[in-house]
Amino acid sequence: VRGSNPDAALYWLVRMLDGGADPRYLARRI
């Protein structure tokens, strides 16, 4: 995100969701 790369940012978000990360935690970090 900081590096302004939307594709990489989306990749890591989906990786974490796919792996079982709590979306509420991700929302707080976002």
mmCIF file of all heavy atoms, coordinates in Angstrom:
data_MODEL
# 
_entry.id   MODEL 
# 
loop_
_atom_site.group_PDB 
_atom_site.id 
_atom_site.type_symbol 
_atom_site.label_atom_id 
_atom_site.label_alt_id 
_atom_site.label_comp_id 
_atom_site.label_asym_id 
_atom_site.label_entity_id 
_atom_site.label_seq_id 
_atom_site.pdbx_PDB_ins_code 
_atom_site.Cartn_x 
_atom_site.Cartn_y 
_atom_site.Cartn_z 
_atom_site.occupancy 
_atom_site.B_iso_or_equiv 
_atom_site.pdbx_formal_charge 
_atom_site.auth_seq_id 
_atom_site.auth_comp_id 
_atom_site.auth_asym_id 
_atom_site.auth_atom_id 
_atom_site.pdbx_PDB_model_num 
ATOM 1   N N   . VAL A 1 1  ? 0.841   -1.200  0.000   1.00 0.00 ? 1  VAL A N   1 
ATOM 2   C CA  . VAL A 1 1  ? 0.000   0.000   0.000   1.00 0.00 ? 1  VAL A CA  1 
ATOM 3   C C   . VAL A 1 1  ? 0.875   1.247   0.000   1.00 0.00 ? 1  VAL A C   1 
ATOM 4   O O   . VAL A 1 1  ? 0.689   2.173   -0.800  1.00 0.00 ? 1  VAL A O   1 
ATOM 5   C CB  . VAL A 1 1  ? -0.944  0.000   1.223   1.00 0.00 ? 1  VAL A CB  1 
ATOM 6   C CG1 . VAL A 1 1  ? -1.548  1.385   1.449   1.00 0.00 ? 1  VAL A CG1 1 
ATOM 7   C CG2 . VAL A 1 1  ? -2.039  -1.031  1.041   1.00 0.00 ? 1  VAL A CG2 1 
ATOM 8   N N   . ARG A 1 2  ? 1.839   1.278   0.904   1.00 0.00 ? 2  ARG A N   1 
ATOM 9   C CA  . ARG A 1 2  ? 2.737   2.432   1.017   1.00 0.00 ? 2  ARG A CA  1 
ATOM 10  C C   . ARG A 1 2  ? 3.509   2.657   -0.289  1.00 0.00 ? 2  ARG A C   1 
ATOM 11  O O   . ARG A 1 2  ? 3.788   3.787   -0.673  1.00 0.00 ? 2  ARG A O   1 
ATOM 12  C CB  . ARG A 1 2  ? 3.707   2.208   2.169   1.00 0.00 ? 2  ARG A CB  1 
ATOM 13  C CG  . ARG A 1 2  ? 4.641   3.376   2.441   1.00 0.00 ? 2  ARG A CG  1 
ATOM 14  C CD  . ARG A 1 2  ? 5.563   3.027   3.590   1.00 0.00 ? 2  ARG A CD  1 
ATOM 15  N NE  . ARG A 1 2  ? 4.840   2.833   4.831   1.00 0.00 ? 2  ARG A NE  1 
ATOM 16  C CZ  . ARG A 1 2  ? 5.189   1.968   5.783   1.00 0.00 ? 2  ARG A CZ  1 
ATOM 17  N NH1 . ARG A 1 2  ? 6.257   1.188   5.617   1.00 0.00 ? 2  ARG A NH1 1 
ATOM 18  N NH2 . ARG A 1 2  ? 4.487   1.866   6.881   1.00 0.00 ? 2  ARG A NH2 1 
ATOM 19  N N   . GLY A 1 3  ? 3.839   1.565   -0.965  1.00 0.00 ? 3  GLY A N   1 
ATOM 20  C CA  . GLY A 1 3  ? 4.584   1.656   -2.215  1.00 0.00 ? 3  GLY A CA  1 
ATOM 21  C C   . GLY A 1 3  ? 3.717   1.909   -3.431  1.00 0.00 ? 3  GLY A C   1 
ATOM 22  O O   . GLY A 1 3  ? 4.205   1.855   -4.561  1.00 0.00 ? 3  GLY A O   1 
ATOM 23  N N   . SER A 1 4  ? 2.393   2.145   -3.218  1.00 0.00 ? 4  SER A N   1 
ATOM 24  C CA  . SER A 1 4  ? 1.460   2.477   -4.303  1.00 0.00 ? 4  SER A CA  1 
ATOM 25  C C   . SER A 1 4  ? 1.382   1.397   -5.371  1.00 0.00 ? 4  SER A C   1 
ATOM 26  O O   . SER A 1 4  ? 1.335   1.677   -6.563  1.00 0.00 ? 4  SER A O   1 
ATOM 27  C CB  . SER A 1 4  ? 1.824   3.831   -4.933  1.00 0.00 ? 4  SER A CB  1 
ATOM 28  O OG  . SER A 1 4  ? 1.760   4.868   -3.978  1.00 0.00 ? 4  SER A OG  1 
ATOM 29  N N   . ASN A 1 5  ? 1.376   0.129   -4.935  1.00 0.00 ? 5  ASN A N   1 
ATOM 30  C CA  . ASN A 1 5  ? 1.231   -0.990  -5.868  1.00 0.00 ? 5  ASN A CA  1 
ATOM 31  C C   . ASN A 1 5  ? -0.089  -1.704  -5.568  1.00 0.00 ? 5  ASN A C   1 
ATOM 32  O O   . ASN A 1 5  ? -0.149  -2.567  -4.695  1.00 0.00 ? 5  ASN A O   1 
ATOM 33  C CB  . ASN A 1 5  ? 2.409   -1.966  -5.725  1.00 0.00 ? 5  ASN A CB  1 
ATOM 34  C CG  . ASN A 1 5  ? 2.434   -2.988  -6.855  1.00 0.00 ? 5  ASN A CG  1 
ATOM 35  O OD1 . ASN A 1 5  ? 1.408   -3.542  -7.215  1.00 0.00 ? 5  ASN A OD1 1 
ATOM 36  N ND2 . ASN A 1 5  ? 3.603   -3.237  -7.402  1.00 0.00 ? 5  ASN A ND2 1 
ATOM 37  N N   . PRO A 1 6  ? -1.171  -1.341  -6.268  1.00 0.00 ? 6  PRO A N   1 
ATOM 38  C CA  . PRO A 1 6  ? -2.478  -1.913  -5.944  1.00 0.00 ? 6  PRO A CA  1 
ATOM 39  C C   . PRO A 1 6  ? -2.563  -3.422  -6.164  1.00 0.00 ? 6  PRO A C   1 
ATOM 40  O O   . PRO A 1 6  ? -3.242  -4.128  -5.420  1.00 0.00 ? 6  PRO A O   1 
ATOM 41  C CB  . PRO A 1 6  ? -3.439  -1.159  -6.869  1.00 0.00 ? 6  PRO A CB  1 
ATOM 42  C CG  . PRO A 1 6  ? -2.583  -0.632  -7.979  1.00 0.00 ? 6  PRO A CG  1 
ATOM 43  C CD  . PRO A 1 6  ? -1.244  -0.365  -7.365  1.00 0.00 ? 6  PRO A CD  1 
ATOM 44  N N   . ASP A 1 7  ? -1.878  -3.923  -7.192  1.00 0.00 ? 7  ASP A N   1 
ATOM 45  C CA  . ASP A 1 7  ? -1.944  -5.360  -7.467  1.00 0.00 ? 7  ASP A CA  1 
ATOM 46  C C   . ASP A 1 7  ? -1.290  -6.172  -6.347  1.00 0.00 ? 7  ASP A C   1 
ATOM 47  O O   . ASP A 1 7  ? -1.833  -7.188  -5.901  1.00 0.00 ? 7  ASP A O   1 
ATOM 48  C CB  . ASP A 1 7  ? -1.274  -5.676  -8.807  1.00 0.00 ? 7  ASP A CB  1 
ATOM 49  C CG  . ASP A 1 7  ? -2.023  -5.056  -9.978  1.00 0.00 ? 7  ASP A CG  1 
ATOM 50  O OD1 . ASP A 1 7  ? -3.264  -5.040  -9.921  1.00 0.00 ? 7  ASP A OD1 1 
ATOM 51  O OD2 . ASP A 1 7  ? -1.373  -4.592  -10.923 1.00 0.00 ? 7  ASP A OD2 1 
ATOM 52  N N   . ALA A 1 8  ? -0.118  -5.721  -5.893  1.00 0.00 ? 8  ALA A N   1 
ATOM 53  C CA  . ALA A 1 8  ? 0.560   -6.434  -4.808  1.00 0.00 ? 8  ALA A CA  1 
ATOM 54  C C   . ALA A 1 8  ? -0.245  -6.327  -3.518  1.00 0.00 ? 8  ALA A C   1 
ATOM 55  O O   . ALA A 1 8  ? -0.376  -7.303  -2.768  1.00 0.00 ? 8  ALA A O   1 
ATOM 56  C CB  . ALA A 1 8  ? 1.965   -5.863  -4.600  1.00 0.00 ? 8  ALA A CB  1 
ATOM 57  N N   . ALA A 1 9  ? -0.809  -5.141  -3.262  1.00 0.00 ? 9  ALA A N   1 
ATOM 58  C CA  . ALA A 1 9  ? -1.612  -4.961  -2.047  1.00 0.00 ? 9  ALA A CA  1 
ATOM 59  C C   . ALA A 1 9  ? -2.814  -5.906  -2.059  1.00 0.00 ? 9  ALA A C   1 
ATOM 60  O O   . ALA A 1 9  ? -3.132  -6.551  -1.049  1.00 0.00 ? 9  ALA A O   1 
ATOM 61  C CB  . ALA A 1 9  ? -2.070  -3.512  -1.932  1.00 0.00 ? 9  ALA A CB  1 
ATOM 62  N N   . LEU A 1 10 ? -3.474  -6.009  -3.209  1.00 0.00 ? 10 LEU A N   1 
ATOM 63  C CA  . LEU A 1 10 ? -4.627  -6.896  -3.312  1.00 0.00 ? 10 LEU A CA  1 
ATOM 64  C C   . LEU A 1 10 ? -4.212  -8.353  -3.162  1.00 0.00 ? 10 LEU A C   1 
ATOM 65  O O   . LEU A 1 10 ? -4.914  -9.151  -2.518  1.00 0.00 ? 10 LEU A O   1 
ATOM 66  C CB  . LEU A 1 10 ? -5.321  -6.672  -4.663  1.00 0.00 ? 10 LEU A CB  1 
ATOM 67  C CG  . LEU A 1 10 ? -6.669  -7.370  -4.861  1.00 0.00 ? 10 LEU A CG  1 
ATOM 68  C CD1 . LEU A 1 10 ? -7.673  -6.895  -3.816  1.00 0.00 ? 10 LEU A CD1 1 
ATOM 69  C CD2 . LEU A 1 10 ? -7.198  -7.101  -6.262  1.00 0.00 ? 10 LEU A CD2 1 
ATOM 70  N N   . TYR A 1 11 ? -3.061  -8.707  -3.726  1.00 0.00 ? 11 TYR A N   1 
ATOM 71  C CA  . TYR A 1 11 ? -2.560  -10.078 -3.606  1.00 0.00 ? 11 TYR A CA  1 
ATOM 72  C C   . TYR A 1 11 ? -2.384  -10.466 -2.140  1.00 0.00 ? 11 TYR A C   1 
ATOM 73  O O   . TYR A 1 11 ? -2.836  -11.526 -1.709  1.00 0.00 ? 11 TYR A O   1 
ATOM 74  C CB  . TYR A 1 11 ? -1.232  -10.213 -4.346  1.00 0.00 ? 11 TYR A CB  1 
ATOM 75  C CG  . TYR A 1 11 ? -0.495  -11.504 -4.040  1.00 0.00 ? 11 TYR A CG  1 
ATOM 76  C CD1 . TYR A 1 11 ? -0.859  -12.703 -4.652  1.00 0.00 ? 11 TYR A CD1 1 
ATOM 77  C CD2 . TYR A 1 11 ? 0.551   -11.523 -3.119  1.00 0.00 ? 11 TYR A CD2 1 
ATOM 78  C CE1 . TYR A 1 11 ? -0.195  -13.885 -4.364  1.00 0.00 ? 11 TYR A CE1 1 
ATOM 79  C CE2 . TYR A 1 11 ? 1.225   -12.699 -2.834  1.00 0.00 ? 11 TYR A CE2 1 
ATOM 80  C CZ  . TYR A 1 11 ? 0.851   -13.882 -3.452  1.00 0.00 ? 11 TYR A CZ  1 
ATOM 81  O OH  . TYR A 1 11 ? 1.496   -15.044 -3.141  1.00 0.00 ? 11 TYR A OH  1 
ATOM 82  N N   . TRP A 1 12 ? -1.712  -9.597  -1.349  1.00 0.00 ? 12 TRP A N   1 
ATOM 83  C CA  . TRP A 1 12 ? -1.445  -9.951  0.039   1.00 0.00 ? 12 TRP A CA  1 
ATOM 84  C C   . TRP A 1 12 ? -2.726  -9.965  0.869   1.00 0.00 ? 12 TRP A C   1 
ATOM 85  O O   . TRP A 1 12 ? -2.886  -10.808 1.770   1.00 0.00 ? 12 TRP A O   1 
ATOM 86  C CB  . TRP A 1 12 ? -0.414  -8.996  0.648   1.00 0.00 ? 12 TRP A CB  1 
ATOM 87  C CG  . TRP A 1 12 ? 0.955   -9.208  0.093   1.00 0.00 ? 12 TRP A CG  1 
ATOM 88  C CD1 . TRP A 1 12 ? 1.687   -8.355  -0.663  1.00 0.00 ? 12 TRP A CD1 1 
ATOM 89  C CD2 . TRP A 1 12 ? 1.755   -10.398 0.231   1.00 0.00 ? 12 TRP A CD2 1 
ATOM 90  N NE1 . TRP A 1 12 ? 2.898   -8.917  -1.010  1.00 0.00 ? 12 TRP A NE1 1 
ATOM 91  C CE2 . TRP A 1 12 ? 2.966   -10.170 -0.473  1.00 0.00 ? 12 TRP A CE2 1 
ATOM 92  C CE3 . TRP A 1 12 ? 1.565   -11.618 0.877   1.00 0.00 ? 12 TRP A CE3 1 
ATOM 93  C CZ2 . TRP A 1 12 ? 3.982   -11.111 -0.543  1.00 0.00 ? 12 TRP A CZ2 1 
ATOM 94  C CZ3 . TRP A 1 12 ? 2.585   -12.563 0.810   1.00 0.00 ? 12 TRP A CZ3 1 
ATOM 95  C CH2 . TRP A 1 12 ? 3.765   -12.322 0.111   1.00 0.00 ? 12 TRP A CH2 1 
ATOM 96  N N   . LEU A 1 13 ? -3.659  -9.075  0.560   1.00 0.00 ? 13 LEU A N   1 
ATOM 97  C CA  . LEU A 1 13 ? -4.945  -9.112  1.267   1.00 0.00 ? 13 LEU A CA  1 
ATOM 98  C C   . LEU A 1 13 ? -5.657  -10.437 1.018   1.00 0.00 ? 13 LEU A C   1 
ATOM 99  O O   . LEU A 1 13 ? -6.129  -11.094 1.955   1.00 0.00 ? 13 LEU A O   1 
ATOM 100 C CB  . LEU A 1 13 ? -5.825  -7.947  0.807   1.00 0.00 ? 13 LEU A CB  1 
ATOM 101 C CG  . LEU A 1 13 ? -7.245  -7.971  1.392   1.00 0.00 ? 13 LEU A CG  1 
ATOM 102 C CD1 . LEU A 1 13 ? -7.223  -7.626  2.874   1.00 0.00 ? 13 LEU A CD1 1 
ATOM 103 C CD2 . LEU A 1 13 ? -8.163  -7.021  0.633   1.00 0.00 ? 13 LEU A CD2 1 
ATOM 104 N N   . VAL A 1 14 ? -5.715  -10.840 -0.248  1.00 0.00 ? 14 VAL A N   1 
ATOM 105 C CA  . VAL A 1 14 ? -6.407  -12.086 -0.587  1.00 0.00 ? 14 VAL A CA  1 
ATOM 106 C C   . VAL A 1 14 ? -5.664  -13.293 -0.019  1.00 0.00 ? 14 VAL A C   1 
ATOM 107 O O   . VAL A 1 14 ? -6.286  -14.258 0.431   1.00 0.00 ? 14 VAL A O   1 
ATOM 108 C CB  . VAL A 1 14 ? -6.581  -12.203 -2.117  1.00 0.00 ? 14 VAL A CB  1 
ATOM 109 C CG1 . VAL A 1 14 ? -7.155  -13.565 -2.495  1.00 0.00 ? 14 VAL A CG1 1 
ATOM 110 C CG2 . VAL A 1 14 ? -7.506  -11.085 -2.610  1.00 0.00 ? 14 VAL A CG2 1 
ATOM 111 N N   . ARG A 1 15 ? -4.329  -13.249 -0.031  1.00 0.00 ? 15 ARG A N   1 
ATOM 112 C CA  . ARG A 1 15 ? -3.559  -14.338 0.586   1.00 0.00 ? 15 ARG A CA  1 
ATOM 113 C C   . ARG A 1 15 ? -3.960  -14.530 2.044   1.00 0.00 ? 15 ARG A C   1 
ATOM 114 O O   . ARG A 1 15 ? -4.137  -15.658 2.525   1.00 0.00 ? 15 ARG A O   1 
ATOM 115 C CB  . ARG A 1 15 ? -2.060  -14.028 0.512   1.00 0.00 ? 15 ARG A CB  1 
ATOM 116 C CG  . ARG A 1 15 ? -1.346  -14.515 -0.730  1.00 0.00 ? 15 ARG A CG  1 
ATOM 117 C CD  . ARG A 1 15 ? -1.104  -16.027 -0.735  1.00 0.00 ? 15 ARG A CD  1 
ATOM 118 N NE  . ARG A 1 15 ? -0.323  -16.473 0.394   1.00 0.00 ? 15 ARG A NE  1 
ATOM 119 C CZ  . ARG A 1 15 ? 0.996   -16.474 0.440   1.00 0.00 ? 15 ARG A CZ  1 
ATOM 120 N NH1 . ARG A 1 15 ? 1.691   -16.015 -0.576  1.00 0.00 ? 15 ARG A NH1 1 
ATOM 121 N NH2 . ARG A 1 15 ? 1.632   -16.934 1.504   1.00 0.00 ? 15 ARG A NH2 1 
ATOM 122 N N   . MET A 1 16 ? -4.086  -13.418 2.767   1.00 0.00 ? 16 MET A N   1 
ATOM 123 C CA  . MET A 1 16 ? -4.409  -13.507 4.182   1.00 0.00 ? 16 MET A CA  1 
ATOM 124 C C   . MET A 1 16 ? -5.845  -13.977 4.394   1.00 0.00 ? 16 MET A C   1 
ATOM 125 O O   . MET A 1 16 ? -6.119  -14.797 5.272   1.00 0.00 ? 16 MET A O   1 
ATOM 126 C CB  . MET A 1 16 ? -4.169  -12.166 4.868   1.00 0.00 ? 16 MET A CB  1 
ATOM 127 C CG  . MET A 1 16 ? -2.715  -11.721 4.826   1.00 0.00 ? 16 MET A CG  1 
ATOM 128 S SD  . MET A 1 16 ? -2.356  -10.367 5.941   1.00 0.00 ? 16 MET A SD  1 
ATOM 129 C CE  . MET A 1 16 ? -2.319  -11.243 7.507   1.00 0.00 ? 16 MET A CE  1 
ATOM 130 N N   . LEU A 1 17 ? -6.761  -13.476 3.578   1.00 0.00 ? 17 LEU A N   1 
ATOM 131 C CA  . LEU A 1 17 ? -8.148  -13.941 3.687   1.00 0.00 ? 17 LEU A CA  1 
ATOM 132 C C   . LEU A 1 17 ? -8.241  -15.423 3.352   1.00 0.00 ? 17 LEU A C   1 
ATOM 133 O O   . LEU A 1 17 ? -8.934  -16.190 4.037   1.00 0.00 ? 17 LEU A O   1 
ATOM 134 C CB  . LEU A 1 17 ? -9.037  -13.123 2.749   1.00 0.00 ? 17 LEU A CB  1 
ATOM 135 C CG  . LEU A 1 17 ? -9.270  -11.663 3.137   1.00 0.00 ? 17 LEU A CG  1 
ATOM 136 C CD1 . LEU A 1 17 ? -9.986  -10.929 2.008   1.00 0.00 ? 17 LEU A CD1 1 
ATOM 137 C CD2 . LEU A 1 17 ? -10.075 -11.568 4.430   1.00 0.00 ? 17 LEU A CD2 1 
ATOM 138 N N   . ASP A 1 18 ? -7.527  -15.832 2.310   1.00 0.00 ? 18 ASP A N   1 
ATOM 139 C CA  . ASP A 1 18 ? -7.518  -17.238 1.901   1.00 0.00 ? 18 ASP A CA  1 
ATOM 140 C C   . ASP A 1 18 ? -6.931  -18.128 2.988   1.00 0.00 ? 18 ASP A C   1 
ATOM 141 O O   . ASP A 1 18 ? -7.342  -19.273 3.175   1.00 0.00 ? 18 ASP A O   1 
ATOM 142 C CB  . ASP A 1 18 ? -6.705  -17.381 0.610   1.00 0.00 ? 18 ASP A CB  1 
ATOM 143 C CG  . ASP A 1 18 ? -6.626  -18.822 0.124   1.00 0.00 ? 18 ASP A CG  1 
ATOM 144 O OD1 . ASP A 1 18 ? -7.677  -19.381 -0.208  1.00 0.00 ? 18 ASP A OD1 1 
ATOM 145 O OD2 . ASP A 1 18 ? -5.513  -19.382 0.090   1.00 0.00 ? 18 ASP A OD2 1 
ATOM 146 N N   . GLY A 1 19 ? -5.972  -17.575 3.737   1.00 0.00 ? 19 GLY A N   1 
ATOM 147 C CA  . GLY A 1 19 ? -5.323  -18.356 4.780   1.00 0.00 ? 19 GLY A CA  1 
ATOM 148 C C   . GLY A 1 19 ? -6.073  -18.370 6.097   1.00 0.00 ? 19 GLY A C   1 
ATOM 149 O O   . GLY A 1 19 ? -5.661  -19.050 7.030   1.00 0.00 ? 19 GLY A O   1 
ATOM 150 N N   . GLY A 1 20 ? -7.161  -17.617 6.206   1.00 0.00 ? 20 GLY A N   1 
ATOM 151 C CA  . GLY A 1 20 ? -7.958  -17.675 7.424   1.00 0.00 ? 20 GLY A CA  1 
ATOM 152 C C   . GLY A 1 20 ? -7.799  -16.504 8.368   1.00 0.00 ? 20 GLY A C   1 
ATOM 153 O O   . GLY A 1 20 ? -8.240  -16.554 9.510   1.00 0.00 ? 20 GLY A O   1 
ATOM 154 N N   . ALA A 1 21 ? -7.160  -15.416 7.895   1.00 0.00 ? 21 ALA A N   1 
ATOM 155 C CA  . ALA A 1 21 ? -7.032  -14.247 8.764   1.00 0.00 ? 21 ALA A CA  1 
ATOM 156 C C   . ALA A 1 21 ? -8.403  -13.658 9.056   1.00 0.00 ? 21 ALA A C   1 
ATOM 157 O O   . ALA A 1 21 ? -9.313  -13.703 8.222   1.00 0.00 ? 21 ALA A O   1 
ATOM 158 C CB  . ALA A 1 21 ? -6.152  -13.193 8.093   1.00 0.00 ? 21 ALA A CB  1 
ATOM 159 N N   . ASP A 1 22 ? -8.554  -13.100 10.249  1.00 0.00 ? 22 ASP A N   1 
ATOM 160 C CA  . ASP A 1 22 ? -9.820  -12.488 10.649  1.00 0.00 ? 22 ASP A CA  1 
ATOM 161 C C   . ASP A 1 22 ? -10.012 -11.199 9.850   1.00 0.00 ? 22 ASP A C   1 
ATOM 162 O O   . ASP A 1 22 ? -9.226  -10.258 9.991   1.00 0.00 ? 22 ASP A O   1 
ATOM 163 C CB  . ASP A 1 22 ? -9.781  -12.185 12.147  1.00 0.00 ? 22 ASP A CB  1 
ATOM 164 C CG  . ASP A 1 22 ? -11.080 -11.586 12.653  1.00 0.00 ? 22 ASP A CG  1 
ATOM 165 O OD1 . ASP A 1 22 ? -11.997 -11.350 11.839  1.00 0.00 ? 22 ASP A OD1 1 
ATOM 166 O OD2 . ASP A 1 22 ? -11.192 -11.358 13.877  1.00 0.00 ? 22 ASP A OD2 1 
ATOM 167 N N   . PRO A 1 23 ? -11.053 -11.093 9.022   1.00 0.00 ? 23 PRO A N   1 
ATOM 168 C CA  . PRO A 1 23 ? -11.256 -9.859  8.242   1.00 0.00 ? 23 PRO A CA  1 
ATOM 169 C C   . PRO A 1 23 ? -11.416 -8.621  9.110   1.00 0.00 ? 23 PRO A C   1 
ATOM 170 O O   . PRO A 1 23 ? -11.072 -7.523  8.681   1.00 0.00 ? 23 PRO A O   1 
ATOM 171 C CB  . PRO A 1 23 ? -12.543 -10.156 7.456   1.00 0.00 ? 23 PRO A CB  1 
ATOM 172 C CG  . PRO A 1 23 ? -12.592 -11.656 7.364   1.00 0.00 ? 23 PRO A CG  1 
ATOM 173 C CD  . PRO A 1 23 ? -12.034 -12.136 8.673   1.00 0.00 ? 23 PRO A CD  1 
ATOM 174 N N   . ARG A 1 24 ? -11.917 -8.784  10.332  1.00 0.00 ? 24 ARG A N   1 
ATOM 175 C CA  . ARG A 1 24 ? -12.066 -7.622  11.218  1.00 0.00 ? 24 ARG A CA  1 
ATOM 176 C C   . ARG A 1 24 ? -10.696 -7.087  11.623  1.00 0.00 ? 24 ARG A C   1 
ATOM 177 O O   . ARG A 1 24 ? -10.503 -5.871  11.737  1.00 0.00 ? 24 ARG A O   1 
ATOM 178 C CB  . ARG A 1 24 ? -12.888 -7.988  12.454  1.00 0.00 ? 24 ARG A CB  1 
ATOM 179 C CG  . ARG A 1 24 ? -14.352 -8.279  12.143  1.00 0.00 ? 24 ARG A CG  1 
ATOM 180 C CD  . ARG A 1 24 ? -15.124 -8.702  13.388  1.00 0.00 ? 24 ARG A CD  1 
ATOM 181 N NE  . ARG A 1 24 ? -16.520 -8.944  13.074  1.00 0.00 ? 24 ARG A NE  1 
ATOM 182 C CZ  . ARG A 1 24 ? -16.991 -10.081 12.586  1.00 0.00 ? 24 ARG A CZ  1 
ATOM 183 N NH1 . ARG A 1 24 ? -16.145 -11.097 12.353  1.00 0.00 ? 24 ARG A NH1 1 
ATOM 184 N NH2 . ARG A 1 24 ? -18.268 -10.228 12.313  1.00 0.00 ? 24 ARG A NH2 1 
ATOM 185 N N   . TYR A 1 25 ? -9.761  -7.982  11.848  1.00 0.00 ? 25 TYR A N   1 
ATOM 186 C CA  . TYR A 1 25 ? -8.396  -7.547  12.136  1.00 0.00 ? 25 TYR A CA  1 
ATOM 187 C C   . TYR A 1 25 ? -7.824  -6.808  10.938  1.00 0.00 ? 25 TYR A C   1 
ATOM 188 O O   . TYR A 1 25 ? -7.202  -5.740  11.070  1.00 0.00 ? 25 TYR A O   1 
ATOM 189 C CB  . TYR A 1 25 ? -7.518  -8.745  12.488  1.00 0.00 ? 25 TYR A CB  1 
ATOM 190 C CG  . TYR A 1 25 ? -6.045  -8.396  12.581  1.00 0.00 ? 25 TYR A CG  1 
ATOM 191 C CD1 . TYR A 1 25 ? -5.529  -7.823  13.741  1.00 0.00 ? 25 TYR A CD1 1 
ATOM 192 C CD2 . TYR A 1 25 ? -5.194  -8.601  11.508  1.00 0.00 ? 25 TYR A CD2 1 
ATOM 193 C CE1 . TYR A 1 25 ? -4.183  -7.475  13.816  1.00 0.00 ? 25 TYR A CE1 1 
ATOM 194 C CE2 . TYR A 1 25 ? -3.856  -8.256  11.576  1.00 0.00 ? 25 TYR A CE2 1 
ATOM 195 C CZ  . TYR A 1 25 ? -3.356  -7.699  12.731  1.00 0.00 ? 25 TYR A CZ  1 
ATOM 196 O OH  . TYR A 1 25 ? -2.033  -7.349  12.804  1.00 0.00 ? 25 TYR A OH  1 
ATOM 197 N N   . LEU A 1 26 ? -8.032  -7.357  9.743   1.00 0.00 ? 26 LEU A N   1 
ATOM 198 C CA  . LEU A 1 26 ? -7.528  -6.710  8.539   1.00 0.00 ? 26 LEU A CA  1 
ATOM 199 C C   . LEU A 1 26 ? -8.174  -5.340  8.357   1.00 0.00 ? 26 LEU A C   1 
ATOM 200 O O   . LEU A 1 26 ? -7.506  -4.388  7.941   1.00 0.00 ? 26 LEU A O   1 
ATOM 201 C CB  . LEU A 1 26 ? -7.802  -7.594  7.323   1.00 0.00 ? 26 LEU A CB  1 
ATOM 202 C CG  . LEU A 1 26 ? -7.021  -8.914  7.290   1.00 0.00 ? 26 LEU A CG  1 
ATOM 203 C CD1 . LEU A 1 26 ? -7.489  -9.774  6.117   1.00 0.00 ? 26 LEU A CD1 1 
ATOM 204 C CD2 . LEU A 1 26 ? -5.528  -8.667  7.182   1.00 0.00 ? 26 LEU A CD2 1 
ATOM 205 N N   . ALA A 1 27 ? -9.464  -5.232  8.674   1.00 0.00 ? 27 ALA A N   1 
ATOM 206 C CA  . ALA A 1 27 ? -10.150 -3.944  8.560   1.00 0.00 ? 27 ALA A CA  1 
ATOM 207 C C   . ALA A 1 27 ? -9.497  -2.910  9.474   1.00 0.00 ? 27 ALA A C   1 
ATOM 208 O O   . ALA A 1 27 ? -9.289  -1.750  9.081   1.00 0.00 ? 27 ALA A O   1 
ATOM 209 C CB  . ALA A 1 27 ? -11.631 -4.100  8.893   1.00 0.00 ? 27 ALA A CB  1 
ATOM 210 N N   . ARG A 1 28 ? -9.161  -3.321  10.695  1.00 0.00 ? 28 ARG A N   1 
ATOM 211 C CA  . ARG A 1 28 ? -8.506  -2.390  11.622  1.00 0.00 ? 28 ARG A CA  1 
ATOM 212 C C   . ARG A 1 28 ? -7.151  -1.940  11.080  1.00 0.00 ? 28 ARG A C   1 
ATOM 213 O O   . ARG A 1 28 ? -6.786  -0.763  11.170  1.00 0.00 ? 28 ARG A O   1 
ATOM 214 C CB  . ARG A 1 28 ? -8.324  -3.048  12.999  1.00 0.00 ? 28 ARG A CB  1 
ATOM 215 C CG  . ARG A 1 28 ? -9.627  -3.309  13.730  1.00 0.00 ? 28 ARG A CG  1 
ATOM 216 C CD  . ARG A 1 28 ? -9.384  -3.591  15.197  1.00 0.00 ? 28 ARG A CD  1 
ATOM 217 N NE  . ARG A 1 28 ? -8.577  -4.772  15.437  1.00 0.00 ? 28 ARG A NE  1 
ATOM 218 C CZ  . ARG A 1 28 ? -9.057  -6.001  15.546  1.00 0.00 ? 28 ARG A CZ  1 
ATOM 219 N NH1 . ARG A 1 28 ? -10.367 -6.220  15.410  1.00 0.00 ? 28 ARG A NH1 1 
ATOM 220 N NH2 . ARG A 1 28 ? -8.263  -7.025  15.793  1.00 0.00 ? 28 ARG A NH2 1 
ATOM 221 N N   . ARG A 1 29 ? -6.404  -2.882  10.522  1.00 0.00 ? 29 ARG A N   1 
ATOM 222 C CA  . ARG A 1 29 ? -5.094  -2.527  9.987   1.00 0.00 ? 29 ARG A CA  1 
ATOM 223 C C   . ARG A 1 29 ? -5.222  -1.612  8.764   1.00 0.00 ? 29 ARG A C   1 
ATOM 224 O O   . ARG A 1 29 ? -4.401  -0.729  8.547   1.00 0.00 ? 29 ARG A O   1 
ATOM 225 C CB  . ARG A 1 29 ? -4.314  -3.795  9.614   1.00 0.00 ? 29 ARG A CB  1 
ATOM 226 C CG  . ARG A 1 29 ? -3.865  -4.618  10.800  1.00 0.00 ? 29 ARG A CG  1 
ATOM 227 C CD  . ARG A 1 29 ? -2.949  -3.830  11.716  1.00 0.00 ? 29 ARG A CD  1 
ATOM 228 N NE  . ARG A 1 29 ? -1.731  -3.410  11.057  1.00 0.00 ? 29 ARG A NE  1 
ATOM 229 C CZ  . ARG A 1 29 ? -0.540  -3.984  11.214  1.00 0.00 ? 29 ARG A CZ  1 
ATOM 230 N NH1 . ARG A 1 29 ? -0.411  -5.007  12.037  1.00 0.00 ? 29 ARG A NH1 1 
ATOM 231 N NH2 . ARG A 1 29 ? 0.522   -3.538  10.585  1.00 0.00 ? 29 ARG A NH2 1 
ATOM 232 N N   . ILE A 1 30 ? -6.255  -1.825  7.959   1.00 0.00 ? 30 ILE A N   1 
ATOM 233 C CA  . ILE A 1 30 ? -6.472  -0.993  6.778   1.00 0.00 ? 30 ILE A CA  1 
ATOM 234 C C   . ILE A 1 30 ? -6.780  0.442   7.197   1.00 0.00 ? 30 ILE A C   1 
ATOM 235 O O   . ILE A 1 30 ? -6.271  1.409   6.610   1.00 0.00 ? 30 ILE A O   1 
ATOM 236 C CB  . ILE A 1 30 ? -7.602  -1.586  5.910   1.00 0.00 ? 30 ILE A CB  1 
ATOM 237 C CG1 . ILE A 1 30 ? -7.110  -2.890  5.241   1.00 0.00 ? 30 ILE A CG1 1 
ATOM 238 C CG2 . ILE A 1 30 ? -8.078  -0.599  4.866   1.00 0.00 ? 30 ILE A CG2 1 
ATOM 239 C CD1 . ILE A 1 30 ? -8.210  -3.721  4.625   1.00 0.00 ? 30 ILE A CD1 1 
# 
